Amino acid sequence: MTRVASTARRAMCVARMHSGSSASIVGEDLAHTHPAMFQAARTAMSPLDAVPGFPNLRRLREGSPIMRASCPTKCPPEERGAIRSKLGVRSLVDLRTADERHGDPLPTMLWDSVVRVRQGGKLLYPSNEAAVRSGEEAEEGVVLYNVPLYTTRRIMRWVLLNAPFWEKPQLMSRLPAVIGFQQPNPDTLQLYNSSLSRHGLQGHNKFLLSSCGEQVRAVLELMCDKSNLPMVFFCSLGKDRTGVISMLALHCGGASRDEIREDFKRSANGLAHVRAEVMASLEKRGLDPEEFISARAELVDDVFEYLDFKYGSADAYLDAIGFGAEWREKLREVI
């Protein structure tokens, strides 16, 4: 019973993601057939209490069933069950790369089944159906969506292509790792991270927007499915990849630019208690710690100015990646 129900729920998600019709959204039916469930998703836990092991956690907007956070991999075992009961989540969306997930895996007690979203925005089932836990009804279980916004090699290729000419010879010496003939070792990653630091967060965000549109669309579409709500989405720090997705989602929700800036700036407080640890980790990886822990408001302006310059507007960008006006209206309804 559990496996059938869980597989059915995931199959509906796949059908929704691949359908060209907005009428196929699973959540449309949930709002009508289970209004109490959806209303609970909109009103539960507002405002959010602090949750140990889930840093930088907050709602996108007051009363929203969509939450953003840093990755909860450091969640103490005694708090893992409490996270599920406190947040009442129906889905988690992990934006990290496969390398990050393997190096710092999410505690398995936080989820019941897995759907992997590969490059191209396609939803794929895990090869091992044992990933669907027994003894849990799908309607009560938590689905983990692994949606890597980019791969390690994809951002390495971008760094190589956009590096100044004097850096290219050294970067090219590591080409086998960039094109996949070798696994990038820590020295190679540090070298490429050092080059990425020269582009700063502004460069990182431009790369994400210009190169990862299908993955961005996949995350926004998952938000539109009311059967996934309440939802928490996160990357490592819950600030940069999560921040860009939040900017676009809030824009779709009708938020003002000031509101989007304020949301982004809140990550400075959300990460304050782990700031020293994060900065040490960034420096060890070859990234500029002051730059990559920054949550300055002008980064929001940079994103929207870039979208205006390259695409004409944020809406035109969303149209270009396949998240058109009907999808944006659906997100506005839930956010």
C-alpha atoms as a PDB file:
ATOM      1  CA  MET A   1       0.000   0.000   0.000  1.00  0.00           C
ATOM      2  CA  THR A   2       2.721   2.458   0.971  1.00  0.00           C
ATOM      3  CA  ARG A   3       4.877   1.843  -2.087  1.00  0.00           C
ATOM      4  CA  VAL A   4       1.906   2.159  -4.433  1.00  0.00           C
ATOM      5  CA  ALA A   5       0.751   5.386  -2.822  1.00  0.00           C
ATOM      6  CA  SER A   6       4.223   6.870  -2.734  1.00  0.00           C
ATOM      7  CA  THR A   7       4.937   5.893  -6.333  1.00  0.00           C
ATOM      8  CA  ALA A   8       1.600   7.359  -7.383  1.00  0.00           C
ATOM      9  CA  ARG A   9       2.430  10.668  -5.770  1.00  0.00           C
ATOM     10  CA  ARG A  10       5.819  10.800  -7.479  1.00  0.00           C
ATOM     11  CA  ALA A  11       4.282   9.752 -10.786  1.00  0.00           C
ATOM     12  CA  MET A  12       1.866  12.670 -10.572  1.00  0.00           C
ATOM     13  CA  CYS A  13       4.814  14.980 -10.011  1.00  0.00           C
ATOM     14  CA  VAL A  14       6.545  13.571 -13.093  1.00  0.00           C
ATOM     15  CA  ALA A  15       3.411  14.013 -15.171  1.00  0.00           C
ATOM     16  CA  ARG A  16       3.108  17.606 -13.999  1.00  0.00           C
ATOM     17  CA  MET A  17       6.733  18.427 -14.748  1.00  0.00           C
ATOM     18  CA  HIS A  18       6.573  17.021 -18.276  1.00  0.00           C
ATOM     19  CA  SER A  19       3.136  18.300 -19.198  1.00  0.00           C
ATOM     20  CA  GLY A  20       2.855  21.403 -21.305  1.00  0.00           C
ATOM     21  CA  SER A  21      -0.561  22.147 -19.829  1.00  0.00           C
ATOM     22  CA  SER A  22      -0.846  24.163 -16.647  1.00  0.00           C
ATOM     23  CA  ALA A  23      -4.124  22.363 -15.901  1.00  0.00           C
ATOM     24  CA  SER A  24      -2.143  19.245 -14.970  1.00  0.00           C
ATOM     25  CA  ILE A  25      -0.905  20.726 -11.694  1.00  0.00           C
ATOM     26  CA  VAL A  26      -1.586  18.237  -8.928  1.00  0.00           C
ATOM     27  CA  GLY A  27      -2.005  21.017  -6.377  1.00  0.00           C
ATOM     28  CA  GLU A  28      -5.023  22.445  -8.203  1.00  0.00           C
ATOM     29  CA  ASP A  29      -7.021  19.436  -7.053  1.00  0.00           C
ATOM     30  CA  LEU A  30      -5.571  19.474  -3.547  1.00  0.00           C
ATOM     31  CA  ALA A  31      -6.798  23.000  -2.895  1.00  0.00           C
ATOM     32  CA  HIS A  32     -10.370  21.968  -3.806  1.00  0.00           C
ATOM     33  CA  THR A  33     -10.541  18.405  -2.510  1.00  0.00           C
ATOM     34  CA  HIS A  34      -8.476  18.945   0.662  1.00  0.00           C
ATOM     35  CA  PRO A  35      -8.996  22.630   1.576  1.00  0.00           C
ATOM     36  CA  ALA A  36      -8.241  22.029   5.257  1.00  0.00           C
ATOM     37  CA  MET A  37      -4.892  20.420   4.394  1.00  0.00           C
ATOM     38  CA  PHE A  38      -3.884  23.314   2.166  1.00  0.00           C
ATOM     39  CA  GLN A  39      -5.042  25.929   4.659  1.00  0.00           C
ATOM     40  CA  ALA A  40      -2.964  24.224   7.352  1.00  0.00           C
ATOM     41  CA  ALA A  41       0.012  24.448   5.010  1.00  0.00           C
ATOM     42  CA  ARG A  42      -0.493  28.207   4.741  1.00  0.00           C
ATOM     43  CA  THR A  43      -0.987  28.922   8.440  1.00  0.00           C
ATOM     44  CA  ALA A  44       1.085  26.354  10.355  1.00  0.00           C
ATOM     45  CA  MET A  45       4.012  27.693  12.392  1.00  0.00           C
ATOM     46  CA  SER A  46       3.813  31.400  11.675  1.00  0.00           C
ATOM     47  CA  PRO A  47       6.179  32.874  12.623  1.00  0.00           C
ATOM     48  CA  LEU A  48       8.815  30.133  12.581  1.00  0.00           C
ATOM     49  CA  ASP A  49      10.517  29.163  15.794  1.00  0.00           C
ATOM     50  CA  ALA A  50      14.232  28.491  15.810  1.00  0.00           C
ATOM     51  CA  VAL A  51      14.926  24.880  14.867  1.00  0.00           C
ATOM     52  CA  PRO A  52      18.270  23.466  16.067  1.00  0.00           C
ATOM     53  CA  GLY A  53      20.377  22.195  13.179  1.00  0.00           C
ATOM     54  CA  PHE A  54      18.346  24.085  10.542  1.00  0.00           C
ATOM     55  CA  PRO A  55      20.154  27.442  10.274  1.00  0.00           C
ATOM     56  CA  ASN A  56      18.965  30.463   8.299  1.00  0.00           C
ATOM     57  CA  LEU A  57      15.413  29.099   8.292  1.00  0.00           C
ATOM     58  CA  ARG A  58      12.571  31.458   7.407  1.00  0.00           C
ATOM     59  CA  ARG A  59       9.396  31.779   5.394  1.00  0.00           C
ATOM     60  CA  LEU A  60       9.566  33.511   2.036  1.00  0.00           C
ATOM     61  CA  ARG A  61       6.730  35.742   3.231  1.00  0.00           C
ATOM     62  CA  GLU A  62       4.651  35.881   6.383  1.00  0.00           C
ATOM     63  CA  GLY A  63       2.251  32.948   6.387  1.00  0.00           C
ATOM     64  CA  SER A  64       3.804  31.367   3.286  1.00  0.00           C
ATOM     65  CA  PRO A  65       4.016  27.547   3.207  1.00  0.00           C
ATOM     66  CA  ILE A  66       7.340  27.871   1.346  1.00  0.00           C
ATOM     67  CA  MET A  67      10.445  28.157   3.508  1.00  0.00           C
ATOM     68  CA  ARG A  68      14.136  28.651   2.769  1.00  0.00           C
ATOM     69  CA  ALA A  69      17.095  27.570   4.873  1.00  0.00           C
ATOM     70  CA  SER A  70      20.668  26.380   5.030  1.00  0.00           C
ATOM     71  CA  CYS A  71      21.248  22.661   4.668  1.00  0.00           C
ATOM     72  CA  PRO A  72      20.331  20.784   7.897  1.00  0.00           C
ATOM     73  CA  THR A  73      23.138  18.220   7.682  1.00  0.00           C
ATOM     74  CA  LYS A  74      24.416  19.215  11.125  1.00  0.00           C
ATOM     75  CA  CYS A  75      21.057  18.577  12.747  1.00  0.00           C
ATOM     76  CA  PRO A  76      21.637  16.665  16.012  1.00  0.00           C
ATOM     77  CA  PRO A  77      20.002  13.230  16.056  1.00  0.00           C
ATOM     78  CA  GLU A  78      17.689  14.120  18.934  1.00  0.00           C
ATOM     79  CA  GLU A  79      16.212  16.989  16.905  1.00  0.00           C
ATOM     80  CA  ARG A  80      15.596  15.181  13.613  1.00  0.00           C
ATOM     81  CA  GLY A  81      12.157  13.897  14.516  1.00  0.00           C
ATOM     82  CA  ALA A  82      11.252  17.272  15.991  1.00  0.00           C
ATOM     83  CA  ILE A  83      12.115  19.030  12.724  1.00  0.00           C
ATOM     84  CA  ARG A  84       9.457  17.049  10.921  1.00  0.00           C
ATOM     85  CA  SER A  85       6.832  17.683  13.575  1.00  0.00           C
ATOM     86  CA  LYS A  86       7.712  21.353  14.085  1.00  0.00           C
ATOM     87  CA  LEU A  87       7.807  22.290  10.429  1.00  0.00           C
ATOM     88  CA  GLY A  88       5.119  19.916   9.174  1.00  0.00           C
ATOM     89  CA  VAL A  89       6.869  19.754   5.810  1.00  0.00           C
ATOM     90  CA  ARG A  90       5.674  17.597   2.943  1.00  0.00           C
ATOM     91  CA  SER A  91       8.756  18.129   0.798  1.00  0.00           C
ATOM     92  CA  LEU A  92      12.410  19.135   0.976  1.00  0.00           C
ATOM     93  CA  VAL A  93      14.240  20.513  -2.074  1.00  0.00           C
ATOM     94  CA  ASP A  94      18.027  20.137  -2.000  1.00  0.00           C
ATOM     95  CA  LEU A  95      19.768  22.438  -4.495  1.00  0.00           C
ATOM     96  CA  ARG A  96      23.285  21.164  -3.825  1.00  0.00           C
ATOM     97  CA  THR A  97      25.506  19.332  -6.295  1.00  0.00           C
ATOM     98  CA  ALA A  98      25.865  15.560  -6.137  1.00  0.00           C
ATOM     99  CA  ASP A  99      29.424  16.071  -4.858  1.00  0.00           C
ATOM    100  CA  GLU A 100      28.117  18.187  -1.995  1.00  0.00           C
ATOM    101  CA  ARG A 101      25.380  15.694  -1.153  1.00  0.00           C
ATOM    102  CA  HIS A 102      27.813  12.773  -1.091  1.00  0.00           C
ATOM    103  CA  GLY A 103      30.323  14.674   1.027  1.00  0.00           C
ATOM    104  CA  ASP A 104      27.739  16.003   3.483  1.00  0.00           C
ATOM    105  CA  PRO A 105      24.604  13.831   3.215  1.00  0.00           C
ATOM    106  CA  LEU A 106      21.214  14.859   4.492  1.00  0.00           C
ATOM    107  CA  PRO A 107      20.106  12.868   7.576  1.00  0.00           C
ATOM    108  CA  THR A 108      17.857  10.102   6.300  1.00  0.00           C
ATOM    109  CA  MET A 109      15.384  10.518   9.163  1.00  0.00           C
ATOM    110  CA  LEU A 110      14.207  13.770   7.567  1.00  0.00           C
ATOM    111  CA  TRP A 111      12.663  12.191   4.461  1.00  0.00           C
ATOM    112  CA  ASP A 112      10.677   9.140   3.326  1.00  0.00           C
ATOM    113  CA  SER A 113      11.205   8.960  -0.435  1.00  0.00           C
ATOM    114  CA  VAL A 114      13.489  10.519  -3.038  1.00  0.00           C
ATOM    115  CA  VAL A 115      12.931  12.030  -6.468  1.00  0.00           C
ATOM    116  CA  ARG A 116      16.007  13.132  -8.364  1.00  0.00           C
ATOM    117  CA  VAL A 117      15.802  16.030 -10.786  1.00  0.00           C
ATOM    118  CA  ARG A 118      18.605  15.639 -13.304  1.00  0.00           C
ATOM    119  CA  GLN A 119      20.077  18.118 -15.747  1.00  0.00           C
ATOM    120  CA  GLY A 120      17.320  19.117 -18.113  1.00  0.00           C
ATOM    121  CA  GLY A 121      14.794  19.450 -15.312  1.00  0.00           C
ATOM    122  CA  LYS A 122      13.610  15.829 -15.605  1.00  0.00           C
ATOM    123  CA  LEU A 123      12.324  14.002 -12.566  1.00  0.00           C
ATOM    124  CA  LEU A 124      13.797  10.527 -12.183  1.00  0.00           C
ATOM    125  CA  TYR A 125      13.026   7.843  -9.618  1.00  0.00           C
ATOM    126  CA  PRO A 126      15.852   6.446  -7.526  1.00  0.00           C
ATOM    127  CA  SER A 127      17.177   3.179  -8.908  1.00  0.00           C
ATOM    128  CA  ASN A 128      16.640   1.500  -5.551  1.00  0.00           C
ATOM    129  CA  GLU A 129      12.953   1.385  -4.649  1.00  0.00           C
ATOM    130  CA  ALA A 130      13.998   0.677  -1.062  1.00  0.00           C
ATOM    131  CA  ALA A 131      14.490   4.444  -0.869  1.00  0.00           C
ATOM    132  CA  VAL A 132      10.719   4.527  -0.382  1.00  0.00           C
ATOM    133  CA  ARG A 133      10.329   3.723   3.289  1.00  0.00           C
ATOM    134  CA  SER A 134       7.878   1.107   4.469  1.00  0.00           C
ATOM    135  CA  GLY A 135       5.317   1.833   7.150  1.00  0.00           C
ATOM    136  CA  GLU A 136       4.631   5.396   6.020  1.00  0.00           C
ATOM    137  CA  GLU A 137       1.653   6.573   4.019  1.00  0.00           C
ATOM    138  CA  ALA A 138       2.719   8.778   1.115  1.00  0.00           C
ATOM    139  CA  GLU A 139       0.217  11.444   2.147  1.00  0.00           C
ATOM    140  CA  GLU A 140       2.045  11.696   5.489  1.00  0.00           C
ATOM    141  CA  GLY A 141       5.587  11.177   4.233  1.00  0.00           C
ATOM    142  CA  VAL A 142       8.219  13.722   3.270  1.00  0.00           C
ATOM    143  CA  VAL A 143       9.510  13.673  -0.310  1.00  0.00           C
ATOM    144  CA  LEU A 144      13.105  14.771  -0.870  1.00  0.00           C
ATOM    145  CA  TYR A 145      13.714  16.335  -4.282  1.00  0.00           C
ATOM    146  CA  ASN A 146      17.376  16.457  -5.254  1.00  0.00           C
ATOM    147  CA  VAL A 147      17.576  19.344  -7.720  1.00  0.00           C
ATOM    148  CA  PRO A 148      21.227  20.260  -8.301  1.00  0.00           C
ATOM    149  CA  LEU A 149      21.118  23.710  -9.890  1.00  0.00           C
ATOM    150  CA  TYR A 150      24.459  22.946 -11.488  1.00  0.00           C
ATOM    151  CA  THR A 151      27.212  20.368 -11.422  1.00  0.00           C
ATOM    152  CA  THR A 152      30.750  20.943 -10.217  1.00  0.00           C
ATOM    153  CA  ARG A 153      32.089  20.519 -13.758  1.00  0.00           C
ATOM    154  CA  ARG A 154      29.544  22.896 -15.235  1.00  0.00           C
ATOM    155  CA  ILE A 155      30.686  25.775 -13.059  1.00  0.00           C
ATOM    156  CA  MET A 156      34.318  24.808 -13.669  1.00  0.00           C
ATOM    157  CA  ARG A 157      33.704  25.108 -17.416  1.00  0.00           C
ATOM    158  CA  TRP A 158      32.142  28.530 -16.910  1.00  0.00           C
ATOM    159  CA  VAL A 159      35.128  29.664 -14.837  1.00  0.00           C
ATOM    160  CA  LEU A 160      37.528  28.454 -17.525  1.00  0.00           C
ATOM    161  CA  LEU A 161      35.654  30.206 -20.327  1.00  0.00           C
ATOM    162  CA  ASN A 162      35.356  33.478 -18.404  1.00  0.00           C
ATOM    163  CA  ALA A 163      38.826  33.598 -16.844  1.00  0.00           C
ATOM    164  CA  PRO A 164      41.236  36.389 -17.852  1.00  0.00           C
ATOM    165  CA  PHE A 165      43.832  35.283 -20.375  1.00  0.00           C
ATOM    166  CA  TRP A 166      46.664  35.186 -17.842  1.00  0.00           C
ATOM    167  CA  GLU A 167      44.790  32.617 -15.726  1.00  0.00           C
ATOM    168  CA  LYS A 168      43.806  30.323 -18.563  1.00  0.00           C
ATOM    169  CA  PRO A 169      47.117  28.388 -18.934  1.00  0.00           C
ATOM    170  CA  GLN A 170      47.048  27.234 -15.309  1.00  0.00           C
ATOM    171  CA  LEU A 171      43.331  26.440 -15.481  1.00  0.00           C
ATOM    172  CA  MET A 172      43.808  24.577 -18.769  1.00  0.00           C
ATOM    173  CA  SER A 173      46.423  22.373 -17.111  1.00  0.00           C
ATOM    174  CA  ARG A 174      43.510  20.811 -15.201  1.00  0.00           C
ATOM    175  CA  LEU A 175      41.363  20.311 -18.314  1.00  0.00           C
ATOM    176  CA  PRO A 176      40.974  16.499 -17.883  1.00  0.00           C
ATOM    177  CA  ALA A 177      39.079  17.155 -14.642  1.00  0.00           C
ATOM    178  CA  VAL A 178      36.931  19.825 -16.263  1.00  0.00           C
ATOM    179  CA  ILE A 179      35.774  17.627 -19.159  1.00  0.00           C
ATOM    180  CA  GLY A 180      35.260  14.536 -17.033  1.00  0.00           C
ATOM    181  CA  PHE A 181      38.301  12.373 -17.719  1.00  0.00           C
ATOM    182  CA  GLN A 182      39.427  12.764 -14.124  1.00  0.00           C
ATOM    183  CA  GLN A 183      37.731  13.445 -10.813  1.00  0.00           C
ATOM    184  CA  PRO A 184      38.652  16.986  -9.711  1.00  0.00           C
ATOM    185  CA  ASN A 185      40.968  16.772  -6.698  1.00  0.00           C
ATOM    186  CA  PRO A 186      41.023  19.337  -3.858  1.00  0.00           C
ATOM    187  CA  ASP A 187      43.901  21.295  -5.441  1.00  0.00           C
ATOM    188  CA  THR A 188      42.004  21.612  -8.725  1.00  0.00           C
ATOM    189  CA  LEU A 189      38.840  22.719  -6.957  1.00  0.00           C
ATOM    190  CA  GLN A 190      40.781  25.274  -4.947  1.00  0.00           C
ATOM    191  CA  LEU A 191      42.381  26.646  -8.109  1.00  0.00           C
ATOM    192  CA  TYR A 192      39.030  27.051  -9.843  1.00  0.00           C
ATOM    193  CA  ASN A 193      37.403  28.477  -6.722  1.00  0.00           C
ATOM    194  CA  SER A 194      40.136  31.087  -6.528  1.00  0.00           C
ATOM    195  CA  SER A 195      39.352  32.106 -10.096  1.00  0.00           C
ATOM    196  CA  LEU A 196      35.619  32.126  -9.322  1.00  0.00           C
ATOM    197  CA  SER A 197      36.292  34.471  -6.410  1.00  0.00           C
ATOM    198  CA  ARG A 198      37.481  37.108  -8.859  1.00  0.00           C
ATOM    199  CA  HIS A 199      33.987  37.090 -10.372  1.00  0.00           C
ATOM    200  CA  GLY A 200      32.425  37.271  -6.906  1.00  0.00           C
ATOM    201  CA  LEU A 201      28.810  36.524  -6.102  1.00  0.00           C
ATOM    202  CA  GLN A 202      27.715  38.758  -8.953  1.00  0.00           C
ATOM    203  CA  GLY A 203      29.493  36.454 -11.408  1.00  0.00           C
ATOM    204  CA  HIS A 204      28.178  33.337  -9.672  1.00  0.00           C
ATOM    205  CA  ASN A 205      24.610  34.594  -9.917  1.00  0.00           C
ATOM    206  CA  LYS A 206      24.987  35.492 -13.601  1.00  0.00           C
ATOM    207  CA  PHE A 207      26.317  31.997 -14.275  1.00  0.00           C
ATOM    208  CA  LEU A 208      23.396  30.417 -12.435  1.00  0.00           C
ATOM    209  CA  LEU A 209      20.771  32.461 -14.264  1.00  0.00           C
ATOM    210  CA  SER A 210      22.278  32.115 -17.734  1.00  0.00           C
ATOM    211  CA  SER A 211      23.342  28.461 -17.566  1.00  0.00           C
ATOM    212  CA  CYS A 212      20.868  26.728 -15.266  1.00  0.00           C
ATOM    213  CA  GLY A 213      17.441  27.870 -16.443  1.00  0.00           C
ATOM    214  CA  GLU A 214      15.936  24.384 -16.675  1.00  0.00           C
ATOM    215  CA  GLN A 215      16.862  23.625 -13.079  1.00  0.00           C
ATOM    216  CA  VAL A 216      15.581  27.000 -11.889  1.00  0.00           C
ATOM    217  CA  ARG A 217      12.283  26.289 -13.641  1.00  0.00           C
ATOM    218  CA  ALA A 218      12.087  22.827 -12.053  1.00  0.00           C
ATOM    219  CA  VAL A 219      12.340  24.283  -8.542  1.00  0.00           C
ATOM    220  CA  LEU A 220       9.736  26.961  -9.213  1.00  0.00           C
ATOM    221  CA  GLU A 221       7.360  24.362 -10.666  1.00  0.00           C
ATOM    222  CA  LEU A 222       7.741  22.173  -7.587  1.00  0.00           C
ATOM    223  CA  MET A 223       6.676  25.185  -5.506  1.00  0.00           C
ATOM    224  CA  CYS A 224       3.496  25.486  -7.569  1.00  0.00           C
ATOM    225  CA  ASP A 225       2.387  21.958  -6.655  1.00  0.00           C
ATOM    226  CA  LYS A 226       0.301  22.392  -3.515  1.00  0.00           C
ATOM    227  CA  SER A 227       0.715  18.704  -2.671  1.00  0.00           C
ATOM    228  CA  ASN A 228       4.390  19.538  -1.959  1.00  0.00           C
ATOM    229  CA  LEU A 229       3.524  22.183   0.627  1.00  0.00           C
ATOM    230  CA  PRO A 230       4.719  23.085   3.197  1.00  0.00           C
ATOM    231  CA  MET A 231       8.156  22.959   1.578  1.00  0.00           C
ATOM    232  CA  VAL A 232      11.694  23.834   2.632  1.00  0.00           C
ATOM    233  CA  PHE A 233      14.308  24.435  -0.062  1.00  0.00           C
ATOM    234  CA  PHE A 234      17.986  24.881   0.663  1.00  0.00           C
ATOM    235  CA  CYS A 235      21.555  24.778  -0.612  1.00  0.00           C
ATOM    236  CA  SER A 236      24.663  24.749   1.576  1.00  0.00           C
ATOM    237  CA  LEU A 237      24.404  28.180   3.208  1.00  0.00           C
ATOM    238  CA  GLY A 238      20.855  28.928   2.122  1.00  0.00           C
ATOM    239  CA  LYS A 239      22.011  32.267   0.758  1.00  0.00           C
ATOM    240  CA  ASP A 240      23.283  32.227  -2.850  1.00  0.00           C
ATOM    241  CA  ARG A 241      21.571  29.474  -4.859  1.00  0.00           C
ATOM    242  CA  THR A 242      18.672  29.585  -2.435  1.00  0.00           C
ATOM    243  CA  GLY A 243      18.811  33.372  -2.586  1.00  0.00           C
ATOM    244  CA  VAL A 244      18.472  33.574  -6.373  1.00  0.00           C
ATOM    245  CA  ILE A 245      15.533  31.138  -6.338  1.00  0.00           C
ATOM    246  CA  SER A 246      13.959  33.211  -3.549  1.00  0.00           C
ATOM    247  CA  MET A 247      14.367  36.434  -5.528  1.00  0.00           C
ATOM    248  CA  LEU A 248      12.568  34.939  -8.515  1.00  0.00           C
ATOM    249  CA  ALA A 249       9.847  33.312  -6.408  1.00  0.00           C
ATOM    250  CA  LEU A 250       9.174  36.527  -4.507  1.00  0.00           C
ATOM    251  CA  HIS A 251       9.085  38.443  -7.783  1.00  0.00           C
ATOM    252  CA  CYS A 252       6.449  36.007  -9.047  1.00  0.00           C
ATOM    253  CA  GLY A 253       4.563  36.525  -5.789  1.00  0.00           C
ATOM    254  CA  GLY A 254       4.341  40.263  -6.397  1.00  0.00           C
ATOM    255  CA  ALA A 255       6.918  41.299  -3.805  1.00  0.00           C
ATOM    256  CA  SER A 256       8.454  44.743  -4.095  1.00  0.00           C
ATOM    257  CA  ARG A 257      12.149  45.126  -4.729  1.00  0.00           C
ATOM    258  CA  ASP A 258      12.544  46.434  -1.158  1.00  0.00           C
ATOM    259  CA  GLU A 259      10.866  43.294   0.201  1.00  0.00           C
ATOM    260  CA  ILE A 260      13.183  41.092  -1.850  1.00  0.00           C
ATOM    261  CA  ARG A 261      16.227  43.024  -0.623  1.00  0.00           C
ATOM    262  CA  GLU A 262      15.119  42.670   2.995  1.00  0.00           C
ATOM    263  CA  ASP A 263      14.621  38.926   2.602  1.00  0.00           C
ATOM    264  CA  PHE A 264      18.107  38.525   1.140  1.00  0.00           C
ATOM    265  CA  LYS A 265      19.744  40.644   3.842  1.00  0.00           C
ATOM    266  CA  ARG A 266      18.226  38.460   6.574  1.00  0.00           C
ATOM    267  CA  SER A 267      20.753  35.739   5.747  1.00  0.00           C
ATOM    268  CA  ALA A 268      23.415  37.827   7.504  1.00  0.00           C
ATOM    269  CA  ASN A 269      21.592  37.313  10.800  1.00  0.00           C
ATOM    270  CA  GLY A 270      20.586  33.763   9.922  1.00  0.00           C
ATOM    271  CA  LEU A 271      24.242  32.766   9.508  1.00  0.00           C
ATOM    272  CA  ALA A 272      25.682  34.926  12.290  1.00  0.00           C
ATOM    273  CA  HIS A 273      26.129  32.066  14.754  1.00  0.00           C
ATOM    274  CA  VAL A 274      28.067  29.965  12.226  1.00  0.00           C
ATOM    275  CA  ARG A 275      29.900  32.845  10.521  1.00  0.00           C
ATOM    276  CA  ALA A 276      33.401  31.966  11.783  1.00  0.00           C
ATOM    277  CA  GLU A 277      32.999  28.297  10.821  1.00  0.00           C
ATOM    278  CA  VAL A 278      31.655  29.188   7.369  1.00  0.00           C
ATOM    279  CA  MET A 279      34.403  31.705   6.655  1.00  0.00           C
ATOM    280  CA  ALA A 280      37.085  29.190   7.602  1.00  0.00           C
ATOM    281  CA  SER A 281      35.511  26.624   5.274  1.00  0.00           C
ATOM    282  CA  LEU A 282      35.269  29.118   2.394  1.00  0.00           C
ATOM    283  CA  GLU A 283      38.910  30.125   2.790  1.00  0.00           C
ATOM    284  CA  LYS A 284      40.039  26.506   2.875  1.00  0.00           C
ATOM    285  CA  ARG A 285      38.210  25.875  -0.417  1.00  0.00           C
ATOM    286  CA  GLY A 286      39.873  28.842  -2.105  1.00  0.00           C
ATOM    287  CA  LEU A 287      36.866  31.174  -2.056  1.00  0.00           C
ATOM    288  CA  ASP A 288      37.005  34.762  -0.798  1.00  0.00           C
ATOM    289  CA  PRO A 289      35.303  34.393   2.614  1.00  0.00           C
ATOM    290  CA  GLU A 290      34.187  38.009   2.951  1.00  0.00           C
ATOM    291  CA  GLU A 291      32.629  37.977  -0.507  1.00  0.00           C
ATOM    292  CA  PHE A 292      30.946  34.585  -0.353  1.00  0.00           C
ATOM    293  CA  ILE A 293      29.381  35.051   3.065  1.00  0.00           C
ATOM    294  CA  SER A 294      28.075  38.484   2.095  1.00  0.00           C
ATOM    295  CA  ALA A 295      24.331  39.145   2.033  1.00  0.00           C
ATOM    296  CA  ARG A 296      24.475  42.740   0.837  1.00  0.00           C
ATOM    297  CA  ALA A 297      21.339  44.201  -0.709  1.00  0.00           C
ATOM    298  CA  GLU A 298      23.019  45.365  -3.923  1.00  0.00           C
ATOM    299  CA  LEU A 299      23.367  41.733  -5.016  1.00  0.00           C
ATOM    300  CA  VAL A 300      19.588  41.719  -5.460  1.00  0.00           C
ATOM    301  CA  ASP A 301      19.810  44.791  -7.664  1.00  0.00           C
ATOM    302  CA  ASP A 302      22.634  43.153  -9.648  1.00  0.00           C
ATOM    303  CA  VAL A 303      20.419  40.139 -10.389  1.00  0.00           C
ATOM    304  CA  PHE A 304      17.472  42.166 -11.659  1.00  0.00           C
ATOM    305  CA  GLU A 305      19.684  44.586 -13.585  1.00  0.00           C
ATOM    306  CA  TYR A 306      21.317  41.607 -15.296  1.00  0.00           C
ATOM    307  CA  LEU A 307      17.913  40.147 -16.199  1.00  0.00           C
ATOM    308  CA  ASP A 308      16.793  43.518 -17.532  1.00  0.00           C
ATOM    309  CA  PHE A 309      19.971  43.875 -19.592  1.00  0.00           C
ATOM    310  CA  LYS A 310      20.127  40.363 -21.055  1.00  0.00           C
ATOM    311  CA  TYR A 311      16.451  39.409 -21.333  1.00  0.00           C
ATOM    312  CA  GLY A 312      14.532  42.694 -21.092  1.00  0.00           C
ATOM    313  CA  SER A 313      12.924  41.972 -17.722  1.00  0.00           C
ATOM    314  CA  ALA A 314      12.628  39.332 -15.016  1.00  0.00           C
ATOM    315  CA  ASP A 315       9.349  38.158 -16.551  1.00  0.00           C
ATOM    316  CA  ALA A 316      11.010  37.824 -19.953  1.00  0.00           C
ATOM    317  CA  TYR A 317      13.720  35.668 -18.354  1.00  0.00           C
ATOM    318  CA  LEU A 318      11.085  33.468 -16.735  1.00  0.00           C
ATOM    319  CA  ASP A 319       9.302  33.175 -20.087  1.00  0.00           C
ATOM    320  CA  ALA A 320      12.609  32.171 -21.705  1.00  0.00           C
ATOM    321  CA  ILE A 321      13.167  29.302 -19.254  1.00  0.00           C
ATOM    322  CA  GLY A 322       9.605  28.047 -19.669  1.00  0.00           C
ATOM    323  CA  PHE A 323       8.054  29.497 -16.506  1.00  0.00           C
ATOM    324  CA  GLY A 324       5.421  31.598 -18.240  1.00  0.00           C
ATOM    325  CA  ALA A 325       2.588  33.812 -17.039  1.00  0.00           C
ATOM    326  CA  GLU A 326       0.247  30.921 -16.108  1.00  0.00           C
ATOM    327  CA  TRP A 327       2.947  29.294 -13.990  1.00  0.00           C
ATOM    328  CA  ARG A 328       3.759  32.630 -12.337  1.00  0.00           C
ATOM    329  CA  GLU A 329       0.122  33.137 -11.430  1.00  0.00           C
ATOM    330  CA  LYS A 330       0.037  29.697  -9.802  1.00  0.00           C
ATOM    331  CA  LEU A 331       3.104  30.546  -7.746  1.00  0.00           C
ATOM    332  CA  ARG A 332       1.586  33.874  -6.757  1.00  0.00           C
ATOM    333  CA  GLU A 333      -1.426  31.990  -5.375  1.00  0.00           C
ATOM    334  CA  VAL A 334       0.638  29.804  -3.038  1.00  0.00           C
ATOM    335  CA  ILE A 335       3.467  32.091  -2.013  1.00  0.00           C
END
